[in-house]
Amino acid sequence: MWKLNRKTADSLLALALLACALQSGCAVNPATGRPEVVLMSEQGEIDLGRKTHQEILKQLPVYNDQDLQAYVNEVGQKLAREGDRPELDYTFTVIDSPDVNAFALPGGYIYINRGLMAYMQTEAQLAAVLGHEIAHVTARHGVRQHRNSMLANVAAVAVAIGTGVGAAGDVAGIAGQAAISGYGRGMELEADRLGAAYMAKAGYDHEQMLEVLGILKDQQQYAAARAKAQGRQGGSYHGVFASHPENDQRLQEVVRAANSLTRGPDPVVGRDRFLRQVNGMVYGDSPEQGVSRGDSFYHGGLGFTFSHPPEWSLENQAQAVILIAPGGQAVIQLTALPQPQDKSPAQTLAAQNIRGLSRPVAREVNGLRAAQARLSGGGHVALVYHGTQAYALLGRPAESAADTDMTDAFNSVLGSFRQLTPADANKALAHRIALWQARPGWNYDRLARLSPLGGDAQAQLRLLNQDYPDEEPAAGETLKIVE
């Protein structure tokens, strides 16, 4: 008798369970009206969203402005009532992040970064983004993404049965994700179509969907140019396509399909109300996550500062601060970890089992205990104790770059790491959006010279006011500037 081994038996069981789910999991999509295979009930979808929402609140900081949170919730709930699944309990959350992003979870959990709101001009544009994300929920795009991942796993199980190679699951899983990465253009267009319909039925000017996508495309192009100059890859909000909305005929068609749904002769744009809401909103880095000022970084919450070579760029990410040399020729990364109570910095560094690490040498950095070591093949690593944290600094040159320049930069950054002083307090404060009324003769060159944003101020101010790349403000226009 042919005897199954444990791996094959488990694979067949998984395949049988998936086949059973496929046979019983056909449902009509509430937003599109089309039948589709689903592997999750509506209650399962809600439970998944609720559980993931709690995890997100642990990982991402919520923006501390109850008035702004209430405003976004008001606009979102107005749209949700006009959606295809109004029975869901929708939750809208503004995240304290400068990144240009918004996203949705199954079950009705919608998130928008304050960094995305900074570039909007009207309440209708806010409604466009929220409507787009609500549409991902109503059309069950997240569940359909989960389904495609599960279907990819069917292929993985089949390969495992035929070959006995367990790693096939990894390959098929990656392929499944790649097939639907970022939802894909089809789902994004569907979200734009549905979102525009929800806007029109809620009384908003749905043409603002095209306006906000144009703003976001401008921001993406600016960010991509900066990233290219720094030798790195830029990101974008997942709803932005390759072409500009004014040149995208299909996008214009799906948005304007909502023309027949418009209620009343004067759909809401809401520029004045929106600008009042974002007046005073933090722009750029938040003090709670640390702020970059010129060639220095200040973290008021953790009480440290350091400087970097002025020609290097700085990325303040959730888990690390990353310094990038011109052209991407080297990278220095700063991360924090709990400080062991019974080990010196040199002992802690040696215990990390880093391949190619030389013997750590104890040293002192501006009164703080530290240790430093070299890495084989080029590069340096250091550990600095401050407060209850141990700060790890890792520097690596690009393969084609000389180690000497990176070594000088690494030692400069490490040597500048110190505790914040009372004199540093003002430098660690947030930049905030303020509203000015443009006077005759004003231009962005003049405004940039008054701005704390530095050499890139002109481009950033134009982006903030939908004047990118080369428009100038009109006299009497309300402008967003940064103070």
Protein backbone atom coordinates (compact mmCIF):
# COMPACT_ATOMS: atom_id res chain seq x y z
CA MET A 1 0.00 0.00 0.00
CA TRP A 2 1.19 3.52 -0.84
CA LYS A 3 1.92 5.31 2.43
CA LEU A 4 1.64 9.11 2.78
CA ASN A 5 4.45 10.90 4.54
CA ARG A 6 3.48 13.58 7.07
CA LYS A 7 4.33 16.52 4.77
CA THR A 8 2.25 15.11 1.90
CA ALA A 9 -0.66 14.26 4.20
CA ASP A 10 -0.69 17.78 5.62
CA SER A 11 -0.52 19.23 2.10
CA LEU A 12 -3.47 17.13 0.93
CA LEU A 13 -5.48 18.15 3.98
CA ALA A 14 -4.79 21.84 3.28
CA LEU A 15 -5.79 21.37 -0.35
CA ALA A 16 -9.01 19.60 0.66
CA LEU A 17 -9.93 22.39 3.06
CA LEU A 18 -9.30 25.03 0.42
CA ALA A 19 -11.35 23.11 -2.16
CA CYS A 20 -14.23 22.90 0.30
CA ALA A 21 -14.03 26.65 0.94
CA LEU A 22 -14.01 27.32 -2.79
CA GLN A 23 -17.13 25.25 -3.35
CA SER A 24 -19.14 27.06 -0.68
CA GLY A 25 -17.63 30.52 -0.83
CA CYS A 26 -19.43 32.19 -3.73
CA ALA A 27 -21.23 35.46 -2.95
CA VAL A 28 -22.49 38.61 -4.67
CA ASN A 29 -20.26 41.63 -4.14
CA PRO A 30 -22.45 44.32 -2.50
CA ALA A 31 -20.77 47.18 -4.36
CA THR A 32 -20.36 45.73 -7.84
CA GLY A 33 -23.29 43.30 -7.94
CA ARG A 34 -21.03 40.64 -9.45
CA PRO A 35 -20.75 37.09 -8.07
CA GLU A 36 -17.29 36.22 -6.78
CA VAL A 37 -15.48 33.61 -4.79
CA VAL A 38 -14.78 34.64 -1.20
CA LEU A 39 -13.06 32.71 1.57
CA MET A 40 -14.27 34.91 4.42
CA SER A 41 -17.70 35.72 5.79
CA GLU A 42 -18.75 39.29 6.50
CA GLN A 43 -18.41 38.64 10.23
CA GLY A 44 -14.96 37.21 9.64
CA GLU A 45 -14.09 40.33 7.66
CA ILE A 46 -15.29 42.56 10.53
CA ASP A 47 -13.39 40.51 13.11
CA LEU A 48 -10.21 40.65 11.03
CA GLY A 49 -10.49 44.43 10.67
CA ARG A 50 -11.15 44.94 14.38
CA LYS A 51 -8.18 42.80 15.40
CA THR A 52 -5.83 44.46 12.91
CA HIS A 53 -7.06 47.92 13.94
CA GLN A 54 -5.92 47.26 17.51
CA GLU A 55 -2.50 46.24 16.26
CA ILE A 56 -2.23 49.33 14.07
CA LEU A 57 -3.03 51.59 17.03
CA LYS A 58 -0.10 49.99 18.85
CA GLN A 59 2.27 50.59 15.95
CA LEU A 60 1.17 53.92 14.45
CA PRO A 61 0.70 57.17 16.44
CA VAL A 62 -2.76 58.75 16.28
CA TYR A 63 -2.66 62.50 15.62
CA ASN A 64 -3.42 64.36 18.84
CA ASP A 65 -6.07 66.83 17.64
CA GLN A 66 -9.61 65.88 18.62
CA ASP A 67 -11.19 68.63 16.49
CA LEU A 68 -9.41 67.40 13.35
CA GLN A 69 -10.25 63.77 14.17
CA ALA A 70 -13.92 64.72 14.61
CA TYR A 71 -13.93 66.65 11.33
CA VAL A 72 -12.49 63.74 9.34
CA ASN A 73 -14.95 61.37 11.00
CA GLU A 74 -17.86 63.68 10.10
CA VAL A 75 -16.89 63.76 6.44
CA GLY A 76 -16.21 60.02 6.38
CA GLN A 77 -19.50 59.06 8.03
CA LYS A 78 -21.41 61.28 5.58
CA LEU A 79 -19.87 59.34 2.70
CA ALA A 80 -20.28 55.94 4.36
CA ARG A 81 -24.03 56.49 4.69
CA GLU A 82 -24.18 56.78 0.89
CA GLY A 83 -22.02 53.72 0.32
CA ASP A 84 -23.03 50.20 -0.61
CA ARG A 85 -22.51 48.83 2.91
CA PRO A 86 -23.93 51.48 5.26
CA GLU A 87 -24.60 48.86 7.93
CA LEU A 88 -20.89 48.58 8.75
CA ASP A 89 -19.56 50.46 11.78
CA TYR A 90 -16.98 52.71 10.10
CA THR A 91 -14.01 54.12 12.00
CA PHE A 92 -11.90 57.02 10.65
CA THR A 93 -8.48 57.78 12.12
CA VAL A 94 -5.91 60.49 11.34
CA ILE A 95 -2.38 59.09 11.75
CA ASP A 96 0.44 61.31 13.00
CA SER A 97 2.75 60.74 10.06
CA PRO A 98 4.22 63.10 7.42
CA ASP A 99 4.00 60.35 4.80
CA VAL A 100 1.52 60.82 1.96
CA ASN A 101 -0.75 57.84 2.46
CA ALA A 102 -4.22 56.54 3.28
CA PHE A 103 -5.44 52.97 3.58
CA ALA A 104 -8.40 50.83 4.61
CA LEU A 105 -8.91 47.56 6.44
CA PRO A 106 -11.72 45.07 5.90
CA GLY A 107 -14.75 45.78 8.03
CA GLY A 108 -14.73 49.58 7.75
CA TYR A 109 -11.47 50.87 9.28
CA ILE A 110 -10.13 53.88 7.35
CA TYR A 111 -6.84 55.70 8.02
CA ILE A 112 -5.42 58.90 6.57
CA ASN A 113 -2.04 60.45 7.37
CA ARG A 114 -1.89 64.14 8.24
CA GLY A 115 0.94 64.26 5.70
CA LEU A 116 -1.56 63.56 2.91
CA MET A 117 -4.07 66.10 4.26
CA ALA A 118 -1.41 68.84 4.13
CA TYR A 119 -1.48 68.82 0.32
CA MET A 120 -5.27 68.98 -0.06
CA GLN A 121 -7.10 72.22 -0.74
CA THR A 122 -10.77 71.43 -0.09
CA GLU A 123 -13.17 69.32 1.93
CA ALA A 124 -14.30 67.67 -1.31
CA GLN A 125 -10.71 66.52 -1.90
CA LEU A 126 -10.67 65.01 1.59
CA ALA A 127 -13.99 63.34 0.71
CA ALA A 128 -12.41 61.99 -2.48
CA VAL A 129 -9.65 60.18 -0.61
CA LEU A 130 -12.00 58.90 2.11
CA GLY A 131 -14.54 57.85 -0.53
CA HIS A 132 -11.82 55.98 -2.41
CA GLU A 133 -10.84 54.10 0.76
CA ILE A 134 -14.48 53.41 1.72
CA ALA A 135 -14.89 51.90 -1.74
CA HIS A 136 -12.05 49.47 -1.05
CA VAL A 137 -14.12 48.30 1.93
CA THR A 138 -17.51 48.17 0.20
CA ALA A 139 -16.10 46.31 -2.81
CA ARG A 140 -14.29 43.95 -0.42
CA HIS A 141 -10.94 44.58 -2.11
CA GLY A 142 -9.04 43.57 1.01
CA VAL A 143 -10.99 40.30 1.19
CA ARG A 144 -10.47 39.71 -2.53
CA GLN A 145 -6.74 40.29 -2.00
CA HIS A 146 -6.86 37.71 0.80
CA ARG A 147 -8.70 35.34 -1.56
CA ASN A 148 -6.04 35.68 -4.26
CA SER A 149 -3.36 34.98 -1.68
CA MET A 150 -5.23 31.86 -0.61
CA LEU A 151 -5.65 30.73 -4.22
CA ALA A 152 -1.92 31.19 -4.72
CA ASN A 153 -1.46 28.88 -1.73
CA VAL A 154 -3.47 26.22 -3.56
CA ALA A 155 -0.77 26.26 -6.23
CA ALA A 156 1.87 26.11 -3.54
CA VAL A 157 0.24 23.04 -1.97
CA ALA A 158 -0.03 21.34 -5.35
CA VAL A 159 3.65 21.95 -6.06
CA ALA A 160 4.57 20.64 -2.62
CA ILE A 161 2.58 17.45 -3.28
CA GLY A 162 4.24 16.91 -6.64
CA THR A 163 7.78 17.76 -5.66
CA GLY A 164 8.04 17.51 -1.90
CA VAL A 165 9.76 20.92 -1.90
CA GLY A 166 8.38 22.93 1.01
CA ALA A 167 9.92 26.17 -0.24
CA ALA A 168 7.50 26.18 -3.16
CA GLY A 169 4.95 27.77 -0.85
CA ASP A 170 7.19 30.78 -0.46
CA VAL A 171 7.56 31.21 -4.21
CA ALA A 172 3.83 30.86 -4.89
CA GLY A 173 3.01 33.20 -2.03
CA ILE A 174 5.28 35.87 -3.46
CA ALA A 175 3.74 35.37 -6.91
CA GLY A 176 0.25 35.70 -5.47
CA GLN A 177 1.10 38.98 -3.80
CA ALA A 178 2.81 40.31 -6.92
CA ALA A 179 -0.29 39.58 -9.00
CA ILE A 180 -2.37 41.98 -6.92
CA SER A 181 0.27 44.34 -5.52
CA GLY A 182 -1.24 47.64 -4.38
CA TYR A 183 -4.71 46.28 -5.40
CA GLY A 184 -3.82 46.86 -9.05
CA ARG A 185 -5.21 49.34 -11.56
CA GLY A 186 -8.53 47.53 -11.94
CA MET A 187 -9.40 47.72 -8.27
CA GLU A 188 -8.08 51.26 -7.94
CA LEU A 189 -10.25 52.44 -10.84
CA GLU A 190 -13.19 50.64 -9.27
CA ALA A 191 -12.51 52.46 -5.99
CA ASP A 192 -12.36 55.78 -7.87
CA ARG A 193 -15.66 55.05 -9.62
CA LEU A 194 -17.43 54.04 -6.43
CA GLY A 195 -15.81 56.82 -4.39
CA ALA A 196 -16.94 59.44 -6.90
CA ALA A 197 -20.48 58.03 -6.73
CA TYR A 198 -20.48 58.25 -2.93
CA MET A 199 -19.23 61.84 -3.16
CA ALA A 200 -21.96 62.86 -5.60
CA LYS A 201 -24.72 61.25 -3.51
CA ALA A 202 -23.34 62.92 -0.36
CA GLY A 203 -23.51 66.32 -2.05
CA TYR A 204 -19.81 66.81 -2.85
CA ASP A 205 -18.28 67.95 -6.13
CA HIS A 206 -17.02 64.61 -7.41
CA GLU A 207 -14.78 66.34 -9.98
CA GLN A 208 -12.54 67.05 -7.00
CA MET A 209 -11.55 63.38 -7.20
CA LEU A 210 -9.54 64.28 -10.32
CA GLU A 211 -8.17 67.40 -8.61
CA VAL A 212 -6.83 65.54 -5.59
CA LEU A 213 -5.34 62.79 -7.74
CA GLY A 214 -3.57 65.50 -9.74
CA ILE A 215 -2.20 67.02 -6.53
CA LEU A 216 -0.99 63.64 -5.37
CA LYS A 217 0.60 62.91 -8.75
CA ASP A 218 2.51 66.20 -8.51
CA GLN A 219 3.67 65.27 -5.02
CA GLN A 220 4.73 61.83 -6.21
CA GLN A 221 6.78 63.30 -9.07
CA TYR A 222 8.48 65.72 -6.68
CA ALA A 223 9.26 62.91 -4.22
CA ALA A 224 10.56 60.68 -7.01
CA ALA A 225 12.91 63.42 -8.24
CA ARG A 226 14.27 63.88 -4.71
CA ALA A 227 14.67 60.15 -4.23
CA LYS A 228 16.53 59.78 -7.53
CA ALA A 229 18.93 62.57 -6.56
CA GLN A 230 19.59 60.74 -3.29
CA GLY A 231 20.11 57.37 -4.98
CA ARG A 232 17.03 55.70 -3.50
CA GLN A 233 13.61 54.55 -4.64
CA GLY A 234 10.63 56.81 -3.96
CA GLY A 235 7.18 55.65 -2.84
CA SER A 236 3.68 56.87 -3.54
CA TYR A 237 0.11 56.72 -2.32
CA HIS A 238 -1.27 53.50 -3.76
CA GLY A 239 -4.17 55.21 -5.57
CA VAL A 240 -1.91 57.28 -7.87
CA PHE A 241 -1.39 55.91 -11.38
CA ALA A 242 1.53 56.26 -13.77
CA SER A 243 0.00 59.06 -15.86
CA HIS A 244 -1.33 62.41 -14.69
CA PRO A 245 -5.16 62.48 -14.30
CA GLU A 246 -5.49 65.16 -17.01
CA ASN A 247 -4.00 62.65 -19.49
CA ASP A 248 -5.80 59.54 -18.19
CA GLN A 249 -8.98 59.13 -20.26
CA ARG A 250 -10.12 55.97 -18.46
CA LEU A 251 -9.79 57.61 -15.04
CA GLN A 252 -11.80 60.62 -16.20
CA GLU A 253 -14.52 58.33 -17.53
CA VAL A 254 -14.96 56.35 -14.31
CA VAL A 255 -15.07 59.50 -12.17
CA ARG A 256 -17.51 61.32 -14.44
CA ALA A 257 -19.81 58.31 -14.49
CA ALA A 258 -21.14 59.86 -11.26
CA ASN A 259 -22.45 62.94 -13.10
CA SER A 260 -26.00 61.60 -13.08
CA LEU A 261 -25.88 61.11 -9.29
CA THR A 262 -25.21 64.75 -8.39
CA ARG A 263 -27.81 66.17 -6.01
CA GLY A 264 -28.57 69.87 -6.25
CA PRO A 265 -27.11 72.64 -8.42
CA ASP A 266 -24.23 73.55 -6.08
CA PRO A 267 -22.20 70.54 -4.97
CA VAL A 268 -19.95 71.17 -1.96
CA VAL A 269 -16.29 72.05 -2.51
CA GLY A 270 -15.60 73.40 1.00
CA ARG A 271 -12.23 75.15 0.59
CA ASP A 272 -12.64 77.67 3.43
CA ARG A 273 -13.83 75.11 5.97
CA PHE A 274 -11.06 72.67 5.11
CA LEU A 275 -8.34 75.32 5.37
CA ARG A 276 -9.62 76.36 8.79
CA GLN A 277 -9.36 72.75 9.95
CA VAL A 278 -5.75 72.26 8.82
CA ASN A 279 -4.63 75.67 10.09
CA GLY A 280 -2.09 74.89 12.82
CA MET A 281 -1.65 71.24 11.80
CA VAL A 282 1.86 69.82 12.20
CA TYR A 283 3.80 69.76 8.92
CA GLY A 284 6.70 67.40 8.40
CA ASP A 285 8.22 65.54 11.31
CA SER A 286 6.43 65.38 14.64
CA PRO A 287 8.38 66.20 17.82
CA GLU A 288 7.21 62.89 19.27
CA GLN A 289 9.08 61.08 16.47
CA GLY A 290 11.96 63.55 16.21
CA VAL A 291 12.51 66.50 13.86
CA SER A 292 15.16 67.32 11.27
CA ARG A 293 16.44 70.90 11.22
CA GLY A 294 19.13 71.68 8.67
CA ASP A 295 21.95 69.23 9.26
CA SER A 296 20.82 68.31 12.80
CA PHE A 297 18.22 65.91 14.21
CA TYR A 298 16.44 66.53 17.52
CA HIS A 299 14.32 64.01 19.42
CA GLY A 300 12.56 65.73 22.27
CA GLY A 301 10.79 62.59 23.47
CA LEU A 302 13.98 60.53 23.79
CA GLY A 303 16.18 63.49 24.68
CA PHE A 304 19.02 63.25 22.15
CA THR A 305 20.40 65.10 19.14
CA PHE A 306 23.08 64.53 16.50
CA SER A 307 24.37 66.23 13.36
CA HIS A 308 25.25 64.88 9.94
CA PRO A 309 27.20 66.11 6.90
CA PRO A 310 25.08 68.82 5.24
CA GLU A 311 25.16 67.14 1.84
CA TRP A 312 23.65 63.93 3.28
CA SER A 313 19.84 63.53 3.36
CA LEU A 314 17.86 62.25 6.34
CA GLU A 315 14.82 59.95 6.41
CA ASN A 316 12.97 59.75 9.72
CA GLN A 317 11.19 56.41 9.64
CA ALA A 318 9.04 54.75 12.32
CA GLN A 319 11.74 52.28 13.39
CA ALA A 320 14.94 54.06 12.36
CA VAL A 321 16.61 57.29 11.31
CA ILE A 322 18.45 56.79 8.01
CA LEU A 323 21.16 59.04 6.59
CA ILE A 324 21.92 58.75 2.86
CA ALA A 325 25.07 60.00 1.16
CA PRO A 326 24.81 61.87 -2.17
CA GLY A 327 24.04 59.42 -4.95
CA GLY A 328 23.35 56.68 -2.41
CA GLN A 329 27.08 56.02 -1.98
CA ALA A 330 26.67 55.16 1.71
CA VAL A 331 23.98 54.74 4.36
CA ILE A 332 24.10 55.28 8.11
CA GLN A 333 21.20 53.97 10.20
CA LEU A 334 20.27 54.76 13.81
CA THR A 335 17.96 52.44 15.74
CA ALA A 336 17.02 52.11 19.41
CA LEU A 337 16.82 49.00 21.58
CA PRO A 338 16.35 48.43 25.31
CA GLN A 339 19.53 48.94 27.30
CA PRO A 340 20.71 45.83 29.19
CA GLN A 341 21.19 46.53 32.88
CA ASP A 342 24.16 44.23 33.45
CA LYS A 343 26.28 44.69 30.33
CA SER A 344 28.57 47.42 29.06
CA PRO A 345 28.09 48.80 25.53
CA ALA A 346 31.06 46.73 24.34
CA GLN A 347 29.61 43.55 25.85
CA THR A 348 26.17 44.24 24.38
CA LEU A 349 27.63 44.94 20.95
CA ALA A 350 29.75 41.77 21.01
CA ALA A 351 26.70 39.71 22.01
CA GLN A 352 24.76 40.70 18.84
CA ASN A 353 26.53 38.00 16.78
CA ILE A 354 27.04 40.36 13.85
CA ARG A 355 28.98 38.63 11.07
CA GLY A 356 32.35 40.19 10.39
CA LEU A 357 32.33 42.33 13.54
CA SER A 358 35.73 43.23 14.99
CA ARG A 359 36.28 43.30 18.73
CA PRO A 360 34.31 46.29 20.10
CA VAL A 361 36.33 49.08 21.69
CA ALA A 362 34.88 50.94 24.66
CA ARG A 363 34.78 54.74 24.37
CA GLU A 364 32.91 57.79 25.62
CA VAL A 365 30.78 60.06 23.41
CA ASN A 366 29.97 63.45 24.96
CA GLY A 367 29.75 61.94 28.42
CA LEU A 368 27.78 58.86 27.30
CA ARG A 369 29.07 55.29 27.53
CA ALA A 370 29.64 53.79 24.08
CA ALA A 371 31.47 51.15 22.06
CA GLN A 372 32.59 51.01 18.43
CA ALA A 373 33.72 48.27 16.02
CA ARG A 374 34.49 47.76 12.33
CA LEU A 375 32.79 45.40 9.90
CA SER A 376 34.71 43.21 7.51
CA GLY A 377 34.25 44.33 3.94
CA GLY A 378 33.81 47.95 5.01
CA GLY A 379 31.52 49.63 7.44
CA HIS A 380 31.23 50.54 11.09
CA VAL A 381 28.90 49.90 14.00
CA ALA A 382 28.61 51.66 17.35
CA LEU A 383 26.40 51.47 20.43
CA VAL A 384 25.67 54.42 22.71
CA TYR A 385 23.88 54.20 26.06
CA HIS A 386 21.50 57.06 26.85
CA GLY A 387 18.67 56.95 29.36
CA THR A 388 17.05 53.52 29.23
CA GLN A 389 17.92 52.98 25.57
CA ALA A 390 20.89 51.67 23.65
CA TYR A 391 21.30 53.47 20.31
CA ALA A 392 22.85 51.39 17.53
CA LEU A 393 24.57 53.22 14.69
CA LEU A 394 25.36 51.18 11.58
CA GLY A 395 27.24 52.57 8.57
CA ARG A 396 27.79 50.83 5.25
CA PRO A 397 29.33 52.15 2.00
CA ALA A 398 27.97 51.12 -1.38
CA GLU A 399 29.94 48.35 -3.07
CA SER A 400 31.45 50.80 -5.53
CA ALA A 401 32.19 53.52 -2.94
CA ALA A 402 35.35 54.17 -0.98
CA ASP A 403 35.17 53.41 2.72
CA THR A 404 37.16 56.52 3.68
CA ASP A 405 34.39 59.06 3.07
CA MET A 406 31.83 56.92 4.89
CA THR A 407 34.23 56.47 7.81
CA ASP A 408 34.64 60.22 8.19
CA ALA A 409 30.86 60.74 8.06
CA PHE A 410 30.21 57.91 10.52
CA ASN A 411 32.71 59.25 13.04
CA SER A 412 31.26 62.74 12.64
CA VAL A 413 27.70 61.54 13.33
CA LEU A 414 28.79 59.39 16.27
CA GLY A 415 30.89 62.18 17.72
CA SER A 416 27.96 64.60 17.59
CA PHE A 417 25.49 62.33 19.41
CA ARG A 418 24.61 63.94 22.73
CA GLN A 419 21.90 64.63 25.26
CA LEU A 420 19.46 67.46 24.54
CA THR A 421 20.02 70.65 26.51
CA PRO A 422 17.47 73.35 27.46
CA ALA A 423 18.94 75.48 24.67
CA ASP A 424 17.86 72.81 22.16
CA ALA A 425 14.19 72.95 23.21
CA ASN A 426 13.05 75.46 20.57
CA LYS A 427 14.86 73.56 17.82
CA ALA A 428 12.85 70.43 18.62
CA LEU A 429 9.47 72.16 18.12
CA ALA A 430 7.18 71.21 15.23
CA HIS A 431 6.68 73.17 12.03
CA ARG A 432 3.00 73.98 11.55
CA ILE A 433 0.74 75.09 8.71
CA ALA A 434 -0.46 78.70 8.88
CA LEU A 435 -2.78 80.66 6.58
CA TRP A 436 -1.69 83.89 4.89
CA GLN A 437 -3.53 86.03 2.38
CA ALA A 438 -1.36 86.71 -0.66
CA ARG A 439 -0.63 90.35 -1.41
CA PRO A 440 0.00 91.86 -4.86
CA GLY A 441 3.50 91.03 -6.09
CA TRP A 442 4.02 88.04 -3.83
CA ASN A 443 5.71 85.00 -5.29
CA TYR A 444 7.11 81.73 -3.96
CA ASP A 445 10.68 82.96 -4.14
CA ARG A 446 9.78 85.65 -1.59
CA LEU A 447 7.80 83.23 0.58
CA ALA A 448 10.61 80.64 0.47
CA ARG A 449 13.10 83.18 1.87
CA LEU A 450 10.78 83.67 4.87
CA SER A 451 10.24 79.94 5.35
CA PRO A 452 11.99 77.61 7.82
CA LEU A 453 11.89 74.81 5.24
CA GLY A 454 15.33 75.49 3.81
CA GLY A 455 16.58 75.18 0.24
CA ASP A 456 13.61 73.13 -0.95
CA ALA A 457 11.02 75.60 0.35
CA GLN A 458 9.77 76.84 -3.04
CA ALA A 459 8.78 73.39 -4.26
CA GLN A 460 7.19 72.43 -0.96
CA LEU A 461 5.14 75.64 -0.74
CA ARG A 462 3.93 75.20 -4.33
CA LEU A 463 2.88 71.63 -3.53
CA LEU A 464 1.03 72.79 -0.44
CA ASN A 465 -1.00 75.24 -2.53
CA GLN A 466 -1.60 73.24 -5.74
CA ASP A 467 0.81 75.48 -7.66
CA TYR A 468 3.47 72.89 -8.49
CA PRO A 469 5.68 73.04 -10.47
CA ASP A 470 5.81 76.69 -11.54
CA GLU A 471 2.57 78.57 -10.76
CA GLU A 472 2.59 81.72 -8.59
CA PRO A 473 -0.01 82.84 -6.00
CA ALA A 474 -2.79 85.25 -6.97
CA ALA A 475 -3.35 88.41 -4.94
CA GLY A 476 -6.01 87.83 -2.29
CA GLU A 477 -5.63 84.04 -2.38
CA THR A 478 -5.46 82.21 0.96
CA LEU A 479 -2.14 80.38 1.08
CA LYS A 480 -0.83 77.60 3.28
CA ILE A 481 2.64 78.44 4.52
CA VAL A 482 4.83 76.79 7.15
CA GLU A 483 5.96 78.42 10.39
